[in-house]
Every structure is written in C-alpha cells, then in structure tokens.
PDB file of N, CA and C in Angstrom:
ATOM      1  N   MET A   1       0.818  -1.197   0.000  1.00  0.00           N
ATOM      2  CA  MET A   1       0.000   0.000   0.000  1.00  0.00           C
ATOM      3  C   MET A   1       0.868   1.270   0.000  1.00  0.00           C
ATOM      4  N   THR A   2       1.934   1.279   0.772  1.00  0.00           N
ATOM      5  CA  THR A   2       2.776   2.477   0.825  1.00  0.00           C
ATOM      6  C   THR A   2       3.465   2.729  -0.505  1.00  0.00           C
ATOM      7  N   GLN A   3       3.799   1.667  -1.227  1.00  0.00           N
ATOM      8  CA  GLN A   3       4.424   1.860  -2.527  1.00  0.00           C
ATOM      9  C   GLN A   3       3.430   2.490  -3.511  1.00  0.00           C
ATOM     10  N   TRP A   4       2.182   2.096  -3.464  1.00  0.00           N
ATOM     11  CA  TRP A   4       1.171   2.663  -4.350  1.00  0.00           C
ATOM     12  C   TRP A   4       0.967   4.141  -4.054  1.00  0.00           C
ATOM     13  N   ILE A   5       0.937   4.511  -2.775  1.00  0.00           N
ATOM     14  CA  ILE A   5       0.765   5.916  -2.392  1.00  0.00           C
ATOM     15  C   ILE A   5       1.957   6.729  -2.869  1.00  0.00           C
ATOM     16  N   ASP A   6       3.146   6.201  -2.748  1.00  0.00           N
ATOM     17  CA  ASP A   6       4.330   6.915  -3.194  1.00  0.00           C
ATOM     18  C   ASP A   6       4.314   7.125  -4.703  1.00  0.00           C
ATOM     19  N   GLU A   7       3.881   6.140  -5.451  1.00  0.00           N
ATOM     20  CA  GLU A   7       3.820   6.293  -6.905  1.00  0.00           C
ATOM     21  C   GLU A   7       2.780   7.325  -7.303  1.00  0.00           C
ATOM     22  N   VAL A   8       1.632   7.311  -6.651  1.00  0.00           N
ATOM     23  CA  VAL A   8       0.596   8.293  -6.964  1.00  0.00           C
ATOM     24  C   VAL A   8       1.080   9.692  -6.631  1.00  0.00           C
ATOM     25  N   TYR A   9       1.721   9.848  -5.490  1.00  0.00           N
ATOM     26  CA  TYR A   9       2.252  11.146  -5.087  1.00  0.00           C
ATOM     27  C   TYR A   9       3.308  11.613  -6.083  1.00  0.00           C
ATOM     28  N   LEU A  10       4.206  10.725  -6.440  1.00  0.00           N
ATOM     29  CA  LEU A  10       5.266  11.068  -7.389  1.00  0.00           C
ATOM     30  C   LEU A  10       4.688  11.433  -8.753  1.00  0.00           C
ATOM     31  N   ASN A  11       3.704  10.674  -9.215  1.00  0.00           N
ATOM     32  CA  ASN A  11       3.062  10.999 -10.496  1.00  0.00           C
ATOM     33  C   ASN A  11       2.377  12.353 -10.443  1.00  0.00           C
ATOM     34  N   GLY A  12       1.756  12.685  -9.326  1.00  0.00           N
ATOM     35  CA  GLY A  12       1.109  13.992  -9.185  1.00  0.00           C
ATOM     36  C   GLY A  12       2.105  15.136  -9.227  1.00  0.00           C
ATOM     37  N   VAL A  13       3.225  14.967  -8.549  1.00  0.00           N
ATOM     38  CA  VAL A  13       4.263  16.006  -8.543  1.00  0.00           C
ATOM     39  C   VAL A  13       4.850  16.171  -9.941  1.00  0.00           C
ATOM     40  N   LEU A  14       5.171  15.069 -10.577  1.00  0.00           N
ATOM     41  CA  LEU A  14       5.763  15.152 -11.920  1.00  0.00           C
ATOM     42  C   LEU A  14       4.789  15.748 -12.936  1.00  0.00           C
ATOM     43  N   SER A  15       3.505  15.399 -12.832  1.00  0.00           N
ATOM     44  CA  SER A  15       2.541  15.984 -13.768  1.00  0.00           C
ATOM     45  C   SER A  15       2.357  17.469 -13.489  1.00  0.00           C
ATOM     46  N   GLY A  16       2.442  17.886 -12.217  1.00  0.00           N
ATOM     47  CA  GLY A  16       2.378  19.314 -11.900  1.00  0.00           C
ATOM     48  C   GLY A  16       3.554  20.080 -12.479  1.00  0.00           C
ATOM     49  N   ILE A  17       4.741  19.502 -12.377  1.00  0.00           N
ATOM     50  CA  ILE A  17       5.933  20.130 -12.958  1.00  0.00           C
ATOM     51  C   ILE A  17       5.799  20.206 -14.472  1.00  0.00           C
ATOM     52  N   LEU A  18       5.312  19.132 -15.078  1.00  0.00           N
ATOM     53  CA  LEU A  18       5.127  19.101 -16.527  1.00  0.00           C
ATOM     54  C   LEU A  18       4.113  20.156 -16.985  1.00  0.00           C
ATOM     55  N   LEU A  19       3.016  20.289 -16.253  1.00  0.00           N
ATOM     56  CA  LEU A  19       2.024  21.318 -16.601  1.00  0.00           C
ATOM     57  C   LEU A  19       2.587  22.722 -16.442  1.00  0.00           C
ATOM     58  N   GLY A  20       3.374  22.937 -15.399  1.00  0.00           N
ATOM     59  CA  GLY A  20       4.004  24.242 -15.207  1.00  0.00           C
ATOM     60  C   GLY A  20       4.950  24.597 -16.337  1.00  0.00           C
ATOM     61  N   LEU A  21       5.779  23.631 -16.743  1.00  0.00           N
ATOM     62  CA  LEU A  21       6.700  23.865 -17.858  1.00  0.00           C
ATOM     63  C   LEU A  21       5.959  24.090 -19.168  1.00  0.00           C
ATOM     64  N   ALA A  22       4.868  23.354 -19.381  1.00  0.00           N
ATOM     65  CA  ALA A  22       4.069  23.552 -20.597  1.00  0.00           C
ATOM     66  C   ALA A  22       3.444  24.946 -20.595  1.00  0.00           C
ATOM     67  N   GLY A  23       3.010  25.416 -19.437  1.00  0.00           N
ATOM     68  CA  GLY A  23       2.447  26.766 -19.345  1.00  0.00           C
ATOM     69  C   GLY A  23       3.479  27.835 -19.640  1.00  0.00           C
ATOM     70  N   LEU A  24       4.700  27.683 -19.125  1.00  0.00           N
ATOM     71  CA  LEU A  24       5.768  28.644 -19.409  1.00  0.00           C
ATOM     72  C   LEU A  24       6.136  28.634 -20.887  1.00  0.00           C
ATOM     73  N   TRP A  25       6.186  27.435 -21.481  1.00  0.00           N
ATOM     74  CA  TRP A  25       6.493  27.343 -22.907  1.00  0.00           C
ATOM     75  C   TRP A  25       5.411  28.034 -23.737  1.00  0.00           C
ATOM     76  N   LEU A  26       4.146  27.822 -23.380  1.00  0.00           N
ATOM     77  CA  LEU A  26       3.048  28.453 -24.100  1.00  0.00           C
ATOM     78  C   LEU A  26       3.106  29.977 -23.970  1.00  0.00           C
ATOM     79  N   LEU A  27       3.432  30.471 -22.788  1.00  0.00           N
ATOM     80  CA  LEU A  27       3.581  31.916 -22.589  1.00  0.00           C
ATOM     81  C   LEU A  27       4.703  32.468 -23.461  1.00  0.00           C
ATOM     82  N   TRP A  28       5.817  31.749 -23.535  1.00  0.00           N
ATOM     83  CA  TRP A  28       6.931  32.181 -24.366  1.00  0.00           C
ATOM     84  C   TRP A  28       6.530  32.223 -25.836  1.00  0.00           C
ATOM     85  N   VAL A  29       5.802  31.213 -26.321  1.00  0.00           N
ATOM     86  CA  VAL A  29       5.370  31.159 -27.718  1.00  0.00           C
ATOM     87  C   VAL A  29       4.433  32.314 -28.038  1.00  0.00           C
ATOM     88  N   VAL A  30       3.463  32.584 -27.164  1.00  0.00           N
ATOM     89  CA  VAL A  30       2.516  33.684 -27.404  1.00  0.00           C
ATOM     90  C   VAL A  30       3.250  35.020 -27.441  1.00  0.00           C
ATOM     91  N   ASN A  31       4.187  35.241 -26.520  1.00  0.00           N
ATOM     92  CA  ASN A  31       4.950  36.492 -26.517  1.00  0.00           C
ATOM     93  C   ASN A  31       5.828  36.610 -27.761  1.00  0.00           C
ATOM     94  N   ALA A  32       6.410  35.505 -28.213  1.00  0.00           N
ATOM     95  CA  ALA A  32       7.221  35.547 -29.440  1.00  0.00           C
ATOM     96  C   ALA A  32       6.355  35.890 -30.653  1.00  0.00           C
ATOM     97  N   LEU A  33       5.148  35.362 -30.702  1.00  0.00           N
ATOM     98  CA  LEU A  33       4.239  35.695 -31.801  1.00  0.00           C
ATOM     99  C   LEU A  33       3.853  37.175 -31.761  1.00  0.00           C
ATOM    100  N   TRP A  34       3.588  37.715 -30.573  1.00  0.00           N
ATOM    101  CA  TRP A  34       3.270  39.140 -30.472  1.00  0.00           C
ATOM    102  C   TRP A  34       4.458  39.996 -30.891  1.00  0.00           C
ATOM    103  N   ARG A  35       5.681  39.612 -30.476  1.00  0.00           N
ATOM    104  CA  ARG A  35       6.852  40.398 -30.870  1.00  0.00           C
ATOM    105  C   ARG A  35       7.014  40.416 -32.384  1.00  0.00           C
ATOM    106  N   SER A  36       6.786  39.276 -33.042  1.00  0.00           N
ATOM    107  CA  SER A  36       6.914  39.252 -34.502  1.00  0.00           C
ATOM    108  C   SER A  36       5.781  40.029 -35.168  1.00  0.00           C
ATOM    109  N   THR A  37       4.596  40.063 -34.557  1.00  0.00           N
ATOM    110  CA  THR A  37       3.481  40.843 -35.102  1.00  0.00           C
ATOM    111  C   THR A  37       3.760  42.339 -34.981  1.00  0.00           C
ATOM    112  N   LEU A  38       4.404  42.754 -33.896  1.00  0.00           N
ATOM    113  CA  LEU A  38       4.682  44.172 -33.668  1.00  0.00           C
ATOM    114  C   LEU A  38       5.933  44.664 -34.395  1.00  0.00           C
ATOM    115  N   ARG A  39       6.723  43.753 -34.967  1.00  0.00           N
ATOM    116  CA  ARG A  39       7.971  44.146 -35.628  1.00  0.00           C
ATOM    117  C   ARG A  39       7.777  45.187 -36.739  1.00  0.00           C
ATOM    118  N   PRO A  40       6.793  45.043 -37.657  1.00  0.00           N
ATOM    119  CA  PRO A  40       6.639  46.067 -38.703  1.00  0.00           C
ATOM    120  C   PRO A  40       6.325  47.450 -38.135  1.00  0.00           C
ATOM    121  N   PHE A  41       5.594  47.512 -37.042  1.00  0.00           N
ATOM    122  CA  PHE A  41       5.318  48.801 -36.402  1.00  0.00           C
ATOM    123  C   PHE A  41       6.601  49.390 -35.828  1.00  0.00           C
ATOM    124  N   ALA A  42       7.444  48.549 -35.230  1.00  0.00           N
ATOM    125  CA  ALA A  42       8.691  49.020 -34.629  1.00  0.00           C
ATOM    126  C   ALA A  42       9.699  49.460 -35.681  1.00  0.00           C
ATOM    127  N   GLU A  43       9.731  48.771 -36.818  1.00  0.00           N
ATOM    128  CA  GLU A  43      10.698  49.118 -37.856  1.00  0.00           C
ATOM    129  C   GLU A  43      10.384  50.451 -38.515  1.00  0.00           C
ATOM    130  N   GLY A  44       9.142  50.897 -38.448  1.00  0.00           N
ATOM    131  CA  GLY A  44       8.777  52.170 -39.051  1.00  0.00           C
ATOM    132  C   GLY A  44       9.026  53.369 -38.161  1.00  0.00           C
ATOM    133  N   ALA A  45       9.466  53.166 -36.938  1.00  0.00           N
ATOM    134  CA  ALA A  45       9.684  54.271 -35.999  1.00  0.00           C
ATOM    135  C   ALA A  45      10.880  55.118 -36.429  1.00  0.00           C
ATOM    136  N   PRO A  46      10.854  56.432 -36.138  1.00  0.00           N
ATOM    137  CA  PRO A  46      11.962  57.311 -36.522  1.00  0.00           C
ATOM    138  C   PRO A  46      13.184  57.168 -35.617  1.00  0.00           C
ATOM    139  N   PHE A  47      13.144  56.261 -34.650  1.00  0.00           N
ATOM    140  CA  PHE A  47      14.279  56.009 -33.776  1.00  0.00           C
ATOM    141  C   PHE A  47      14.366  54.502 -33.537  1.00  0.00           C
ATOM    142  N   ALA A  48      15.463  54.060 -32.973  1.00  0.00           N
ATOM    143  CA  ALA A  48      15.694  52.621 -32.787  1.00  0.00           C
ATOM    144  C   ALA A  48      14.762  52.053 -31.721  1.00  0.00           C
ATOM    145  N   MET A  49      14.144  50.928 -32.038  1.00  0.00           N
ATOM    146  CA  MET A  49      13.308  50.220 -31.071  1.00  0.00           C
ATOM    147  C   MET A  49      13.842  48.797 -30.951  1.00  0.00           C
ATOM    148  N   ARG A  50      13.682  48.221 -29.769  1.00  0.00           N
ATOM    149  CA  ARG A  50      14.185  46.877 -29.518  1.00  0.00           C
ATOM    150  C   ARG A  50      13.154  46.075 -28.734  1.00  0.00           C
ATOM    151  N   PRO A  51      13.170  44.750 -28.890  1.00  0.00           N
ATOM    152  CA  PRO A  51      12.257  43.926 -28.093  1.00  0.00           C
ATOM    153  C   PRO A  51      12.634  44.003 -26.620  1.00  0.00           C
ATOM    154  N   SER A  52      11.638  43.947 -25.766  1.00  0.00           N
ATOM    155  CA  SER A  52      11.852  44.101 -24.329  1.00  0.00           C
ATOM    156  C   SER A  52      11.870  42.742 -23.642  1.00  0.00           C
ATOM    157  N   GLY A  53      12.991  42.068 -23.694  1.00  0.00           N
ATOM    158  CA  GLY A  53      13.145  40.796 -22.995  1.00  0.00           C
ATOM    159  C   GLY A  53      12.195  39.724 -23.494  1.00  0.00           C
ATOM    160  N   TRP A  54      11.564  39.017 -22.564  1.00  0.00           N
ATOM    161  CA  TRP A  54      10.660  37.921 -22.895  1.00  0.00           C
ATOM    162  C   TRP A  54       9.228  38.386 -23.045  1.00  0.00           C
ATOM    163  N   ARG A  55       8.970  39.666 -22.809  1.00  0.00           N
ATOM    164  CA  ARG A  55       7.598  40.168 -22.860  1.00  0.00           C
ATOM    165  C   ARG A  55       7.181  40.475 -24.294  1.00  0.00           C
ATOM    166  N   ALA A  56       5.893  40.696 -24.487  1.00  0.00           N
ATOM    167  CA  ALA A  56       5.346  41.010 -25.810  1.00  0.00           C
ATOM    168  C   ALA A  56       5.403  42.517 -26.026  1.00  0.00           C
ATOM    169  N   ARG A  57       6.611  43.081 -26.038  1.00  0.00           N
ATOM    170  CA  ARG A  57       6.778  44.531 -26.149  1.00  0.00           C
ATOM    171  C   ARG A  57       7.999  44.889 -26.982  1.00  0.00           C
ATOM    172  N   TRP A  58       7.903  46.049 -27.600  1.00  0.00           N
ATOM    173  CA  TRP A  58       9.046  46.713 -28.221  1.00  0.00           C
ATOM    174  C   TRP A  58       9.130  48.068 -27.552  1.00  0.00           C
ATOM    175  N   THR A  59      10.320  48.501 -27.184  1.00  0.00           N
ATOM    176  CA  THR A  59      10.485  49.803 -26.532  1.00  0.00           C
ATOM    177  C   THR A  59      11.502  50.630 -27.302  1.00  0.00           C
ATOM    178  N   GLY A  60      11.350  51.936 -27.200  1.00  0.00           N
ATOM    179  CA  GLY A  60      12.286  52.840 -27.848  1.00  0.00           C
ATOM    180  C   GLY A  60      12.205  54.231 -27.258  1.00  0.00           C
ATOM    181  N   GLU A  61      13.310  54.940 -27.364  1.00  0.00           N
ATOM    182  CA  GLU A  61      13.396  56.326 -26.910  1.00  0.00           C
ATOM    183  C   GLU A  61      13.982  57.152 -28.035  1.00  0.00           C
ATOM    184  N   GLY A  62      13.522  58.378 -28.136  1.00  0.00           N
ATOM    185  CA  GLY A  62      14.058  59.248 -29.164  1.00  0.00           C
ATOM    186  C   GLY A  62      13.597  60.673 -28.969  1.00  0.00           C
ATOM    187  N   ILE A  63      13.923  61.509 -29.925  1.00  0.00           N
ATOM    188  CA  ILE A  63      13.533  62.912 -29.895  1.00  0.00           C
ATOM    189  C   ILE A  63      12.726  63.192 -31.147  1.00  0.00           C
ATOM    190  N   VAL A  64      11.507  63.699 -30.948  1.00  0.00           N
ATOM    191  CA  VAL A  64      10.621  64.051 -32.051  1.00  0.00           C
ATOM    192  C   VAL A  64      10.190  65.501 -31.837  1.00  0.00           C
ATOM    193  N   ASP A  65      10.414  66.333 -32.836  1.00  0.00           N
ATOM    194  CA  ASP A  65      10.100  67.762 -32.750  1.00  0.00           C
ATOM    195  C   ASP A  65      10.762  68.416 -31.547  1.00  0.00           C
ATOM    196  N   GLY A  66      11.981  68.011 -31.217  1.00  0.00           N
ATOM    197  CA  GLY A  66      12.720  68.615 -30.116  1.00  0.00           C
ATOM    198  C   GLY A  66      12.266  68.175 -28.736  1.00  0.00           C
ATOM    199  N   ARG A  67      11.383  67.217 -28.649  1.00  0.00           N
ATOM    200  CA  ARG A  67      10.896  66.735 -27.347  1.00  0.00           C
ATOM    201  C   ARG A  67      11.251  65.259 -27.186  1.00  0.00           C
ATOM    202  N   ALA A  68      11.630  64.884 -25.966  1.00  0.00           N
ATOM    203  CA  ALA A  68      11.967  63.488 -25.683  1.00  0.00           C
ATOM    204  C   ALA A  68      10.697  62.636 -25.697  1.00  0.00           C
ATOM    205  N   VAL A  69      10.796  61.477 -26.317  1.00  0.00           N
ATOM    206  CA  VAL A  69       9.643  60.584 -26.458  1.00  0.00           C
ATOM    207  C   VAL A  69      10.051  59.173 -26.041  1.00  0.00           C
ATOM    208  N   ASN A  70       9.207  58.538 -25.236  1.00  0.00           N
ATOM    209  CA  ASN A  70       9.316  57.120 -24.891  1.00  0.00           C
ATOM    210  C   ASN A  70       8.149  56.400 -25.529  1.00  0.00           C
ATOM    211  N   VAL A  71       8.416  55.308 -26.238  1.00  0.00           N
ATOM    212  CA  VAL A  71       7.344  54.574 -26.900  1.00  0.00           C
ATOM    213  C   VAL A  71       7.440  53.093 -26.524  1.00  0.00           C
ATOM    214  N   GLU A  72       6.291  52.513 -26.172  1.00  0.00           N
ATOM    215  CA  GLU A  72       6.189  51.069 -25.962  1.00  0.00           C
ATOM    216  C   GLU A  72       5.106  50.545 -26.884  1.00  0.00           C
ATOM    217  N   LEU A  73       5.443  49.544 -27.681  1.00  0.00           N
ATOM    218  CA  LEU A  73       4.453  48.849 -28.482  1.00  0.00           C
ATOM    219  C   LEU A  73       4.141  47.554 -27.750  1.00  0.00           C
ATOM    220  N   ARG A  74       2.887  47.354 -27.373  1.00  0.00           N
ATOM    221  CA  ARG A  74       2.503  46.193 -26.565  1.00  0.00           C
ATOM    222  C   ARG A  74       1.464  45.362 -27.285  1.00  0.00           C
ATOM    223  N   GLY A  75       1.542  44.068 -27.071  1.00  0.00           N
ATOM    224  CA  GLY A  75       0.524  43.151 -27.542  1.00  0.00           C
ATOM    225  C   GLY A  75      -0.139  42.495 -26.350  1.00  0.00           C
ATOM    226  N   GLY A  76      -1.360  42.046 -26.524  1.00  0.00           N
ATOM    227  CA  GLY A  76      -2.046  41.390 -25.418  1.00  0.00           C
ATOM    228  C   GLY A  76      -3.484  41.067 -25.764  1.00  0.00           C
ATOM    229  N   LEU A  77      -4.267  40.773 -24.743  1.00  0.00           N
ATOM    230  CA  LEU A  77      -5.662  40.382 -24.948  1.00  0.00           C
ATOM    231  C   LEU A  77      -6.502  41.490 -25.579  1.00  0.00           C
ATOM    232  N   ASN A  78      -6.170  42.746 -25.313  1.00  0.00           N
ATOM    233  CA  ASN A  78      -6.936  43.861 -25.854  1.00  0.00           C
ATOM    234  C   ASN A  78      -6.447  44.304 -27.223  1.00  0.00           C
ATOM    235  N   GLY A  79      -5.512  43.585 -27.809  1.00  0.00           N
ATOM    236  CA  GLY A  79      -4.987  43.946 -29.111  1.00  0.00           C
ATOM    237  C   GLY A  79      -3.725  44.777 -28.984  1.00  0.00           C
ATOM    238  N   PRO A  80      -3.090  45.069 -30.110  1.00  0.00           N
ATOM    239  CA  PRO A  80      -1.846  45.841 -30.069  1.00  0.00           C
ATOM    240  C   PRO A  80      -2.104  47.315 -29.782  1.00  0.00           C
ATOM    241  N   VAL A  81      -1.260  47.889 -28.929  1.00  0.00           N
ATOM    242  CA  VAL A  81      -1.364  49.314 -28.597  1.00  0.00           C
ATOM    243  C   VAL A  81       0.028  49.924 -28.553  1.00  0.00           C
ATOM    244  N   ALA A  82       0.082  51.234 -28.764  1.00  0.00           N
ATOM    245  CA  ALA A  82       1.314  52.004 -28.579  1.00  0.00           C
ATOM    246  C   ALA A  82       1.081  52.933 -27.394  1.00  0.00           C
ATOM    247  N   ILE A  83       2.007  52.944 -26.464  1.00  0.00           N
ATOM    248  CA  ILE A  83       1.946  53.856 -25.335  1.00  0.00           C
ATOM    249  C   ILE A  83       3.032  54.895 -25.567  1.00  0.00           C
ATOM    250  N   ILE A  84       2.615  56.134 -25.736  1.00  0.00           N
ATOM    251  CA  ILE A  84       3.515  57.222 -26.100  1.00  0.00           C
ATOM    252  C   ILE A  84       3.623  58.175 -24.920  1.00  0.00           C
ATOM    253  N   ASP A  85       4.834  58.334 -24.379  1.00  0.00           N
ATOM    254  CA  ASP A  85       5.099  59.259 -23.268  1.00  0.00           C
ATOM    255  C   ASP A  85       5.927  60.419 -23.793  1.00  0.00           C
ATOM    256  N   ARG A  86       5.374  61.629 -23.700  1.00  0.00           N
ATOM    257  CA  ARG A  86       6.085  62.848 -24.077  1.00  0.00           C
ATOM    258  C   ARG A  86       6.021  63.798 -22.909  1.00  0.00           C
ATOM    259  N   ASP A  87       7.156  64.152 -22.373  1.00  0.00           N
ATOM    260  CA  ASP A  87       7.230  65.054 -21.221  1.00  0.00           C
ATOM    261  C   ASP A  87       6.283  64.579 -20.114  1.00  0.00           C
ATOM    262  N   ASP A  88       5.238  65.338 -19.814  1.00  0.00           N
ATOM    263  CA  ASP A  88       4.293  64.964 -18.759  1.00  0.00           C
ATOM    264  C   ASP A  88       3.033  64.325 -19.315  1.00  0.00           C
ATOM    265  N   GLU A  89       2.990  64.072 -20.599  1.00  0.00           N
ATOM    266  CA  GLU A  89       1.781  63.587 -21.270  1.00  0.00           C
ATOM    267  C   GLU A  89       1.967  62.118 -21.687  1.00  0.00           C
ATOM    268  N   SER A  90       0.953  61.302 -21.438  1.00  0.00           N
ATOM    269  CA  SER A  90       0.993  59.900 -21.825  1.00  0.00           C
ATOM    270  C   SER A  90      -0.282  59.558 -22.590  1.00  0.00           C
ATOM    271  N   ARG A  91      -0.121  58.903 -23.736  1.00  0.00           N
ATOM    272  CA  ARG A  91      -1.279  58.505 -24.547  1.00  0.00           C
ATOM    273  C   ARG A  91      -1.203  57.028 -24.870  1.00  0.00           C
ATOM    274  N   ARG A  92      -2.366  56.424 -24.992  1.00  0.00           N
ATOM    275  CA  ARG A  92      -2.484  55.019 -25.399  1.00  0.00           C
ATOM    276  C   ARG A  92      -3.180  55.015 -26.760  1.00  0.00           C
ATOM    277  N   VAL A  93      -2.474  54.524 -27.780  1.00  0.00           N
ATOM    278  CA  VAL A  93      -2.971  54.557 -29.150  1.00  0.00           C
ATOM    279  C   VAL A  93      -3.187  53.119 -29.630  1.00  0.00           C
ATOM    280  N   PRO A  94      -4.430  52.729 -29.948  1.00  0.00           N
ATOM    281  CA  PRO A  94      -4.635  51.373 -30.476  1.00  0.00           C
ATOM    282  C   PRO A  94      -4.031  51.245 -31.877  1.00  0.00           C
ATOM    283  N   LEU A  95      -3.384  50.120 -32.138  1.00  0.00           N
ATOM    284  CA  LEU A  95      -2.751  49.887 -33.431  1.00  0.00           C
ATOM    285  C   LEU A  95      -3.620  49.037 -34.353  1.00  0.00           C
ATOM    286  N   GLU A  96      -4.677  48.497 -33.828  1.00  0.00           N
ATOM    287  CA  GLU A  96      -5.527  47.608 -34.610  1.00  0.00           C
ATOM    288  C   GLU A  96      -6.229  48.388 -35.723  1.00  0.00           C
ATOM    289  N   GLY A  97      -6.201  47.857 -36.930  1.00  0.00           N
ATOM    290  CA  GLY A  97      -6.860  48.492 -38.060  1.00  0.00           C
ATOM    291  C   GLY A  97      -6.007  49.538 -38.756  1.00  0.00           C
ATOM    292  N   GLU A  98      -4.801  49.790 -38.252  1.00  0.00           N
ATOM    293  CA  GLU A  98      -3.908  50.762 -38.882  1.00  0.00           C
ATOM    294  C   GLU A  98      -2.744  50.026 -39.526  1.00  0.00           C
ATOM    295  N   GLY A  99      -2.182  50.650 -40.521  1.00  0.00           N
ATOM    296  CA  GLY A  99      -0.981  50.084 -41.121  1.00  0.00           C
ATOM    297  C   GLY A  99       0.216  50.357 -40.202  1.00  0.00           C
ATOM    298  N   PRO A 100       1.358  49.796 -40.527  1.00  0.00           N
ATOM    299  CA  PRO A 100       2.530  50.007 -39.682  1.00  0.00           C
ATOM    300  C   PRO A 100       2.935  51.461 -39.498  1.00  0.00           C
ATOM    301  N   ASP A 101       2.561  52.340 -40.434  1.00  0.00           N
ATOM    302  CA  ASP A 101       2.941  53.761 -40.300  1.00  0.00           C
ATOM    303  C   ASP A 101       1.833  54.620 -39.718  1.00  0.00           C
ATOM    304  N   GLY A 102       0.647  54.069 -39.501  1.00  0.00           N
ATOM    305  CA  GLY A 102      -0.487  54.879 -39.025  1.00  0.00           C
ATOM    306  C   GLY A 102      -0.280  55.485 -37.657  1.00  0.00           C
ATOM    307  N   TRP A 103       0.377  54.763 -36.738  1.00  0.00           N
ATOM    308  CA  TRP A 103       0.560  55.278 -35.388  1.00  0.00           C
ATOM    309  C   TRP A 103       1.612  56.378 -35.334  1.00  0.00           C
ATOM    310  N   LEU A 104       2.479  56.464 -36.359  1.00  0.00           N
ATOM    311  CA  LEU A 104       3.524  57.479 -36.358  1.00  0.00           C
ATOM    312  C   LEU A 104       2.953  58.879 -36.492  1.00  0.00           C
ATOM    313  N   GLU A 105       1.799  59.018 -37.155  1.00  0.00           N
ATOM    314  CA  GLU A 105       1.170  60.326 -37.281  1.00  0.00           C
ATOM    315  C   GLU A 105       0.771  60.878 -35.917  1.00  0.00           C
ATOM    316  N   ARG A 106       0.401  59.999 -34.996  1.00  0.00           N
ATOM    317  CA  ARG A 106       0.004  60.449 -33.659  1.00  0.00           C
ATOM    318  C   ARG A 106       1.193  60.679 -32.739  1.00  0.00           C
ATOM    319  N   LEU A 107       2.385  60.359 -33.203  1.00  0.00           N
ATOM    320  CA  LEU A 107       3.587  60.524 -32.404  1.00  0.00           C
ATOM    321  C   LEU A 107       3.934  61.993 -32.231  1.00  0.00           C
ATOM    322  N   CYS A 108       3.632  62.801 -33.233  1.00  0.00           N
ATOM    323  CA  CYS A 108       3.992  64.221 -33.201  1.00  0.00           C
ATOM    324  C   CYS A 108       3.044  65.035 -32.356  1.00  0.00           C
TER     325      CYS A 108
END
C-alpha cells in the first residue's frame, strides 16, 4: 500500500511540474508571436526600437520635434497598442486596423 501511495504522489508532482513547464512554454510562444506581429510597427519608428526581454513589447526612446519621447508597443488580450510618453503627457494609441505607419502620425 505504501508503494502505491508513493507512486501516486510522485506521479502527481511530476505531472504538476510538466504542466508548469508547458504553461511557461506556451507563454513564451505567445509572446514571441506578439513580438513578430509588432515588428513592422517598430521598424517604421523614426528612432531605434528593440524587443523588451521575454515580454510582448518593443520599446524605444528618441527625440521628435525637439521633445523626448518614450514609446512602448505592446501586444495582449486587448490587441496591439502604442503607449507614447512625451514630457508629462501619456497617450495610449490602439494599433488595430492601422498600417505600420499609421501610429507614427500620432507621435507628433
């Protein structure tokens, strides 16, 4: 009886570890797909943008019209968005339905 309990316990632990690893892998795949979807938007920016680690984001800093600008392109459940920070002002611009250059008009 004790051997059966040990096997059941061990199988439960191993399946929990396996499910956890599968969840992390799935999260990585979804974020990689978002990064590749956001790449055309990032390549059209007037300054250098780079992927932000393992997250579904591209970030960049630059100067537009003499003002410092921080831009984050994010993907997620609500669709792709650009978060534009200029001085004390922050805007959230949806990217859905626009071409890769459409959000640049709102940058100025």
